[in-house]
Structure formats: C-alpha cells, structure tokens
PDB file of N, CA and C in Angstrom:
ATOM      1  N   MET A   1     -27.078 -14.727  22.414  1.00  0.00           N
ATOM      2  CA  MET A   1     -27.248 -14.778  20.983  1.00  0.00           C
ATOM      3  C   MET A   1     -26.937 -16.190  20.501  1.00  0.00           C
ATOM      4  N   LYS A   2     -27.787 -16.693  19.641  1.00  0.00           N
ATOM      5  CA  LYS A   2     -27.563 -18.003  19.042  1.00  0.00           C
ATOM      6  C   LYS A   2     -26.520 -17.877  17.940  1.00  0.00           C
ATOM      7  N   LEU A   3     -25.773 -18.951  17.738  1.00  0.00           N
ATOM      8  CA  LEU A   3     -24.744 -18.961  16.711  1.00  0.00           C
ATOM      9  C   LEU A   3     -25.321 -18.594  15.346  1.00  0.00           C
ATOM     10  N   GLU A   4     -26.489 -19.119  15.017  1.00  0.00           N
ATOM     11  CA  GLU A   4     -27.112 -18.851  13.722  1.00  0.00           C
ATOM     12  C   GLU A   4     -27.436 -17.374  13.519  1.00  0.00           C
ATOM     13  N   GLU A   5     -27.529 -16.611  14.613  1.00  0.00           N
ATOM     14  CA  GLU A   5     -27.883 -15.195  14.538  1.00  0.00           C
ATOM     15  C   GLU A   5     -26.658 -14.276  14.506  1.00  0.00           C
ATOM     16  N   HIS A   6     -25.476 -14.825  14.696  1.00  0.00           N
ATOM     17  CA  HIS A   6     -24.271 -14.002  14.726  1.00  0.00           C
ATOM     18  C   HIS A   6     -24.016 -13.411  13.336  1.00  0.00           C
ATOM     19  N   PRO A   7     -23.686 -12.116  13.248  1.00  0.00           N
ATOM     20  CA  PRO A   7     -23.487 -11.473  11.948  1.00  0.00           C
ATOM     21  C   PRO A   7     -22.437 -12.158  11.058  1.00  0.00           C
ATOM     22  N   THR A   8     -21.381 -12.671  11.647  1.00  0.00           N
ATOM     23  CA  THR A   8     -20.352 -13.348  10.858  1.00  0.00           C
ATOM     24  C   THR A   8     -20.887 -14.637  10.255  1.00  0.00           C
ATOM     25  N   VAL A   9     -21.674 -15.376  11.028  1.00  0.00           N
ATOM     26  CA  VAL A   9     -22.263 -16.616  10.536  1.00  0.00           C
ATOM     27  C   VAL A   9     -23.250 -16.307   9.414  1.00  0.00           C
ATOM     28  N   ILE A  10     -24.055 -15.293   9.585  1.00  0.00           N
ATOM     29  CA  ILE A  10     -25.011 -14.899   8.552  1.00  0.00           C
ATOM     30  C   ILE A  10     -24.282 -14.506   7.273  1.00  0.00           C
ATOM     31  N   GLN A  11     -23.226 -13.702   7.401  1.00  0.00           N
ATOM     32  CA  GLN A  11     -22.451 -13.282   6.236  1.00  0.00           C
ATOM     33  C   GLN A  11     -21.817 -14.485   5.539  1.00  0.00           C
ATOM     34  N   PHE A  12     -21.258 -15.401   6.316  1.00  0.00           N
ATOM     35  CA  PHE A  12     -20.629 -16.592   5.754  1.00  0.00           C
ATOM     36  C   PHE A  12     -21.645 -17.439   4.994  1.00  0.00           C
ATOM     37  N   ARG A  13     -22.784 -17.641   5.569  1.00  0.00           N
ATOM     38  CA  ARG A  13     -23.811 -18.488   4.944  1.00  0.00           C
ATOM     39  C   ARG A  13     -24.456 -17.839   3.728  1.00  0.00           C
ATOM     40  N   ASN A  14     -24.414 -16.528   3.635  1.00  0.00           N
ATOM     41  CA  ASN A  14     -25.037 -15.825   2.508  1.00  0.00           C
ATOM     42  C   ASN A  14     -24.072 -15.562   1.359  1.00  0.00           C
ATOM     43  N   ARG A  15     -22.807 -15.916   1.506  1.00  0.00           N
ATOM     44  CA  ARG A  15     -21.834 -15.653   0.443  1.00  0.00           C
ATOM     45  C   ARG A  15     -22.077 -16.600  -0.725  1.00  0.00           C
ATOM     46  N   PRO A  16     -21.783 -16.131  -1.938  1.00  0.00           N
ATOM     47  CA  PRO A  16     -21.915 -17.030  -3.089  1.00  0.00           C
ATOM     48  C   PRO A  16     -20.865 -18.127  -3.026  1.00  0.00           C
ATOM     49  N   SER A  17     -21.249 -19.317  -3.402  1.00  0.00           N
ATOM     50  CA  SER A  17     -20.327 -20.440  -3.345  1.00  0.00           C
ATOM     51  C   SER A  17     -20.463 -21.274  -4.612  1.00  0.00           C
ATOM     52  N   ALA A  18     -19.573 -21.021  -5.577  1.00  0.00           N
ATOM     53  CA  ALA A  18     -19.642 -21.725  -6.855  1.00  0.00           C
ATOM     54  C   ALA A  18     -18.741 -22.948  -6.892  1.00  0.00           C
ATOM     55  N   SER A  19     -17.905 -23.126  -5.858  1.00  0.00           N
ATOM     56  CA  SER A  19     -17.009 -24.282  -5.836  1.00  0.00           C
ATOM     57  C   SER A  19     -16.899 -24.780  -4.405  1.00  0.00           C
ATOM     58  N   PRO A  20     -16.289 -25.958  -4.194  1.00  0.00           N
ATOM     59  CA  PRO A  20     -16.185 -26.503  -2.837  1.00  0.00           C
ATOM     60  C   PRO A  20     -15.431 -25.589  -1.874  1.00  0.00           C
ATOM     61  N   ILE A  21     -14.591 -24.695  -2.387  1.00  0.00           N
ATOM     62  CA  ILE A  21     -13.811 -23.837  -1.495  1.00  0.00           C
ATOM     63  C   ILE A  21     -14.283 -22.389  -1.539  1.00  0.00           C
ATOM     64  N   GLY A  22     -15.463 -22.149  -2.090  1.00  0.00           N
ATOM     65  CA  GLY A  22     -15.973 -20.788  -2.126  1.00  0.00           C
ATOM     66  C   GLY A  22     -15.762 -20.169  -3.491  1.00  0.00           C
ATOM     67  N   ASN A  23     -15.094 -19.057  -3.535  1.00  0.00           N
ATOM     68  CA  ASN A  23     -14.879 -18.310  -4.764  1.00  0.00           C
ATOM     69  C   ASN A  23     -13.903 -19.036  -5.682  1.00  0.00           C
ATOM     70  N   PRO A  24     -14.350 -19.500  -6.853  1.00  0.00           N
ATOM     71  CA  PRO A  24     -13.418 -20.179  -7.754  1.00  0.00           C
ATOM     72  C   PRO A  24     -12.397 -19.179  -8.265  1.00  0.00           C
ATOM     73  N   LYS A  25     -11.146 -19.552  -8.196  1.00  0.00           N
ATOM     74  CA  LYS A  25     -10.098 -18.614  -8.556  1.00  0.00           C
ATOM     75  C   LYS A  25      -8.897 -19.381  -9.083  1.00  0.00           C
ATOM     76  N   VAL A  26      -8.325 -18.891 -10.139  1.00  0.00           N
ATOM     77  CA  VAL A  26      -7.104 -19.473 -10.665  1.00  0.00           C
ATOM     78  C   VAL A  26      -5.941 -18.718 -10.048  1.00  0.00           C
ATOM     79  N   LEU A  27      -5.052 -19.458  -9.424  1.00  0.00           N
ATOM     80  CA  LEU A  27      -3.895 -18.825  -8.795  1.00  0.00           C
ATOM     81  C   LEU A  27      -2.715 -18.832  -9.762  1.00  0.00           C
ATOM     82  N   GLU A  28      -2.029 -17.733  -9.853  1.00  0.00           N
ATOM     83  CA  GLU A  28      -0.835 -17.644 -10.679  1.00  0.00           C
ATOM     84  C   GLU A  28       0.312 -18.332  -9.947  1.00  0.00           C
ATOM     85  N   ALA A  29       1.039 -19.187 -10.655  1.00  0.00           N
ATOM     86  CA  ALA A  29       2.115 -19.977 -10.042  1.00  0.00           C
ATOM     87  C   ALA A  29       3.171 -19.095  -9.391  1.00  0.00           C
ATOM     88  N   GLU A  30       3.586 -18.035 -10.051  1.00  0.00           N
ATOM     89  CA  GLU A  30       4.633 -17.176  -9.480  1.00  0.00           C
ATOM     90  C   GLU A  30       4.156 -16.476  -8.215  1.00  0.00           C
ATOM     91  N   TRP A  31       2.906 -16.035  -8.206  1.00  0.00           N
ATOM     92  CA  TRP A  31       2.355 -15.391  -7.018  1.00  0.00           C
ATOM     93  C   TRP A  31       2.315 -16.380  -5.866  1.00  0.00           C
ATOM     94  N   LEU A  32       1.824 -17.598  -6.146  1.00  0.00           N
ATOM     95  CA  LEU A  32       1.722 -18.617  -5.105  1.00  0.00           C
ATOM     96  C   LEU A  32       3.107 -19.027  -4.611  1.00  0.00           C
ATOM     97  N   ARG A  33       4.049 -19.176  -5.529  1.00  0.00           N
ATOM     98  CA  ARG A  33       5.424 -19.514  -5.150  1.00  0.00           C
ATOM     99  C   ARG A  33       5.993 -18.464  -4.191  1.00  0.00           C
ATOM    100  N   GLN A  34       5.762 -17.198  -4.489  1.00  0.00           N
ATOM    101  CA  GLN A  34       6.270 -16.125  -3.633  1.00  0.00           C
ATOM    102  C   GLN A  34       5.604 -16.159  -2.261  1.00  0.00           C
ATOM    103  N   GLN A  35       4.313 -16.481  -2.211  1.00  0.00           N
ATOM    104  CA  GLN A  35       3.619 -16.567  -0.921  1.00  0.00           C
ATOM    105  C   GLN A  35       4.229 -17.654  -0.047  1.00  0.00           C
ATOM    106  N   VAL A  36       4.539 -18.796  -0.652  1.00  0.00           N
ATOM    107  CA  VAL A  36       5.126 -19.917   0.091  1.00  0.00           C
ATOM    108  C   VAL A  36       6.524 -19.547   0.573  1.00  0.00           C
ATOM    109  N   LEU A  37       7.313 -18.902  -0.280  1.00  0.00           N
ATOM    110  CA  LEU A  37       8.651 -18.460   0.125  1.00  0.00           C
ATOM    111  C   LEU A  37       8.561 -17.423   1.244  1.00  0.00           C
ATOM    112  N   ASN A  38       7.615 -16.503   1.130  1.00  0.00           N
ATOM    113  CA  ASN A  38       7.426 -15.488   2.178  1.00  0.00           C
ATOM    114  C   ASN A  38       7.025 -16.116   3.505  1.00  0.00           C
ATOM    115  N   ALA A  39       6.370 -17.275   3.437  1.00  0.00           N
ATOM    116  CA  ALA A  39       5.943 -17.971   4.654  1.00  0.00           C
ATOM    117  C   ALA A  39       7.092 -18.745   5.301  1.00  0.00           C
ATOM    118  N   GLY A  40       8.265 -18.774   4.637  1.00  0.00           N
ATOM    119  CA  GLY A  40       9.428 -19.382   5.258  1.00  0.00           C
ATOM    120  C   GLY A  40       9.994 -20.608   4.574  1.00  0.00           C
ATOM    121  N   ALA A  41       9.394 -21.044   3.475  1.00  0.00           N
ATOM    122  CA  ALA A  41       9.931 -22.214   2.780  1.00  0.00           C
ATOM    123  C   ALA A  41      11.263 -21.865   2.120  1.00  0.00           C
ATOM    124  N   ASP A  42      12.174 -22.834   2.068  1.00  0.00           N
ATOM    125  CA  ASP A  42      13.459 -22.633   1.399  1.00  0.00           C
ATOM    126  C   ASP A  42      13.342 -22.818  -0.104  1.00  0.00           C
ATOM    127  N   ASP A  43      12.399 -23.640  -0.540  1.00  0.00           N
ATOM    128  CA  ASP A  43      12.201 -23.926  -1.943  1.00  0.00           C
ATOM    129  C   ASP A  43      10.736 -24.289  -2.159  1.00  0.00           C
ATOM    130  N   VAL A  44      10.268 -24.176  -3.385  1.00  0.00           N
ATOM    131  CA  VAL A  44       8.868 -24.442  -3.689  1.00  0.00           C
ATOM    132  C   VAL A  44       8.784 -25.232  -4.983  1.00  0.00           C
ATOM    133  N   GLY A  45       7.910 -26.236  -4.983  1.00  0.00           N
ATOM    134  CA  GLY A  45       7.650 -26.988  -6.200  1.00  0.00           C
ATOM    135  C   GLY A  45       6.178 -27.333  -6.273  1.00  0.00           C
ATOM    136  N   PHE A  46       5.688 -27.541  -7.486  1.00  0.00           N
ATOM    137  CA  PHE A  46       4.294 -27.892  -7.708  1.00  0.00           C
ATOM    138  C   PHE A  46       4.230 -29.247  -8.405  1.00  0.00           C
ATOM    139  N   VAL A  47       3.300 -30.100  -7.979  1.00  0.00           N
ATOM    140  CA  VAL A  47       3.138 -31.436  -8.554  1.00  0.00           C
ATOM    141  C   VAL A  47       1.659 -31.654  -8.846  1.00  0.00           C
ATOM    142  N   GLU A  48       1.335 -32.043 -10.077  1.00  0.00           N
ATOM    143  CA  GLU A  48      -0.052 -32.337 -10.436  1.00  0.00           C
ATOM    144  C   GLU A  48      -0.510 -33.616  -9.746  1.00  0.00           C
ATOM    145  N   ILE A  49      -1.762 -33.647  -9.315  1.00  0.00           N
ATOM    146  CA  ILE A  49      -2.306 -34.792  -8.589  1.00  0.00           C
ATOM    147  C   ILE A  49      -2.293 -36.066  -9.432  1.00  0.00           C
ATOM    148  N   ASP A  50      -2.300 -35.943 -10.756  1.00  0.00           N
ATOM    149  CA  ASP A  50      -2.314 -37.114 -11.636  1.00  0.00           C
ATOM    150  C   ASP A  50      -0.936 -37.721 -11.879  1.00  0.00           C
ATOM    151  N   ARG A  51       0.080 -37.155 -11.318  1.00  0.00           N
ATOM    152  CA  ARG A  51       1.444 -37.663 -11.538  1.00  0.00           C
ATOM    153  C   ARG A  51       1.551 -39.112 -11.031  1.00  0.00           C
ATOM    154  N   ALA A  52       2.175 -39.971 -11.808  1.00  0.00           N
ATOM    155  CA  ALA A  52       2.264 -41.403 -11.495  1.00  0.00           C
ATOM    156  C   ALA A  52       2.902 -41.675 -10.137  1.00  0.00           C
ATOM    157  N   GLU A  53       3.848 -40.848  -9.737  1.00  0.00           N
ATOM    158  CA  GLU A  53       4.535 -41.061  -8.456  1.00  0.00           C
ATOM    159  C   GLU A  53       3.597 -40.933  -7.263  1.00  0.00           C
ATOM    160  N   LEU A  54       2.425 -40.342  -7.466  1.00  0.00           N
ATOM    161  CA  LEU A  54       1.458 -40.163  -6.374  1.00  0.00           C
ATOM    162  C   LEU A  54       0.389 -41.255  -6.349  1.00  0.00           C
ATOM    163  N   ASP A  55       0.524 -42.266  -7.198  1.00  0.00           N
ATOM    164  CA  ASP A  55      -0.510 -43.306  -7.301  1.00  0.00           C
ATOM    165  C   ASP A  55      -0.903 -43.894  -5.951  1.00  0.00           C
ATOM    166  N   GLU A  56       0.060 -44.204  -5.106  1.00  0.00           N
ATOM    167  CA  GLU A  56      -0.238 -44.836  -3.809  1.00  0.00           C
ATOM    168  C   GLU A  56      -0.855 -43.868  -2.802  1.00  0.00           C
ATOM    169  N   GLN A  57      -0.674 -42.572  -2.992  1.00  0.00           N
ATOM    170  CA  GLN A  57      -1.160 -41.576  -2.032  1.00  0.00           C
ATOM    171  C   GLN A  57      -2.404 -40.840  -2.509  1.00  0.00           C
ATOM    172  N   ARG A  58      -2.711 -40.919  -3.797  1.00  0.00           N
ATOM    173  CA  ARG A  58      -3.774 -40.114  -4.396  1.00  0.00           C
ATOM    174  C   ARG A  58      -5.121 -40.308  -3.703  1.00  0.00           C
ATOM    175  N   ALA A  59      -5.515 -41.525  -3.450  1.00  0.00           N
ATOM    176  CA  ALA A  59      -6.828 -41.783  -2.834  1.00  0.00           C
ATOM    177  C   ALA A  59      -6.933 -41.124  -1.465  1.00  0.00           C
ATOM    178  N   ASP A  60      -5.876 -41.198  -0.676  1.00  0.00           N
ATOM    179  CA  ASP A  60      -5.895 -40.590   0.655  1.00  0.00           C
ATOM    180  C   ASP A  60      -5.947 -39.064   0.561  1.00  0.00           C
ATOM    181  N   ILE A  61      -5.184 -38.494  -0.364  1.00  0.00           N
ATOM    182  CA  ILE A  61      -5.199 -37.039  -0.549  1.00  0.00           C
ATOM    183  C   ILE A  61      -6.597 -36.585  -0.954  1.00  0.00           C
ATOM    184  N   LEU A  62      -7.177 -37.248  -1.952  1.00  0.00           N
ATOM    185  CA  LEU A  62      -8.495 -36.844  -2.446  1.00  0.00           C
ATOM    186  C   LEU A  62      -9.606 -37.122  -1.449  1.00  0.00           C
ATOM    187  N   LYS A  63      -9.392 -38.070  -0.561  1.00  0.00           N
ATOM    188  CA  LYS A  63     -10.368 -38.339   0.502  1.00  0.00           C
ATOM    189  C   LYS A  63     -10.493 -37.123   1.417  1.00  0.00           C
ATOM    190  N   HIS A  64      -9.385 -36.485   1.697  1.00  0.00           N
ATOM    191  CA  HIS A  64      -9.379 -35.342   2.616  1.00  0.00           C
ATOM    192  C   HIS A  64      -9.622 -34.006   1.909  1.00  0.00           C
ATOM    193  N   VAL A  65      -9.149 -33.883   0.666  1.00  0.00           N
ATOM    194  CA  VAL A  65      -9.310 -32.647  -0.101  1.00  0.00           C
ATOM    195  C   VAL A  65      -9.721 -33.046  -1.526  1.00  0.00           C
ATOM    196  N   PRO A  66     -11.005 -33.333  -1.733  1.00  0.00           N
ATOM    197  CA  PRO A  66     -11.455 -33.921  -3.000  1.00  0.00           C
ATOM    198  C   PRO A  66     -11.275 -33.039  -4.235  1.00  0.00           C
ATOM    199  N   TYR A  67     -11.101 -31.756  -4.078  1.00  0.00           N
ATOM    200  CA  TYR A  67     -10.953 -30.853  -5.214  1.00  0.00           C
ATOM    201  C   TYR A  67      -9.491 -30.558  -5.554  1.00  0.00           C
ATOM    202  N   THR A  68      -8.572 -31.338  -4.995  1.00  0.00           N
ATOM    203  CA  THR A  68      -7.137 -31.135  -5.239  1.00  0.00           C
ATOM    204  C   THR A  68      -6.798 -31.358  -6.709  1.00  0.00           C
ATOM    205  N   ARG A  69      -6.017 -30.434  -7.264  1.00  0.00           N
ATOM    206  CA  ARG A  69      -5.500 -30.580  -8.618  1.00  0.00           C
ATOM    207  C   ARG A  69      -3.977 -30.517  -8.625  1.00  0.00           C
ATOM    208  N   THR A  70      -3.427 -29.786  -7.670  1.00  0.00           N
ATOM    209  CA  THR A  70      -1.977 -29.594  -7.601  1.00  0.00           C
ATOM    210  C   THR A  70      -1.552 -29.584  -6.144  1.00  0.00           C
ATOM    211  N   LEU A  71      -0.377 -30.137  -5.884  1.00  0.00           N
ATOM    212  CA  LEU A  71       0.205 -30.128  -4.541  1.00  0.00           C
ATOM    213  C   LEU A  71       1.418 -29.207  -4.549  1.00  0.00           C
ATOM    214  N   ILE A  72       1.662 -28.571  -3.424  1.00  0.00           N
ATOM    215  CA  ILE A  72       2.829 -27.702  -3.278  1.00  0.00           C
ATOM    216  C   ILE A  72       3.857 -28.441  -2.471  1.00  0.00           C
TER     217      ILE A  72
END
C-alpha cells in the first residue's frame, strides 16, 4: 500500500484546516494551566510573544512556530 492510500493519511488530508495548526481553538488559561501541572510542572506561567523581554528571542521563536501568541 502506498502512503497516499493509507486511511489515516486520507483522513488527515481531508480534514478541515482553517489555521496553521488545524482546528482554530481558544484555550482557557485555567484548563491549560491544569494540563501543564498534570504533566509534571511545578509551576506554570504565560507570557505574551510581544513582551519586551522577548525582543532578542522573538524572531527565532516565530521562525520555528510562526503562529505563536503566548509562551508557557
């Protein structure tokens, strides 16, 4: 079987994609914070990509993940 014919590949390619990461979704901060804590983090914080302290790193971050708005 060719990769293009695999049912998972067909399903993936036929899914609606309205944003660079697939389904556009707004994540609730408390829900996301709990997910990170459940994954083993001792503490969680959120930082907007436009924060001045990230000026030197912003270009590199956006180069790899261009749709970034917030960092955890």
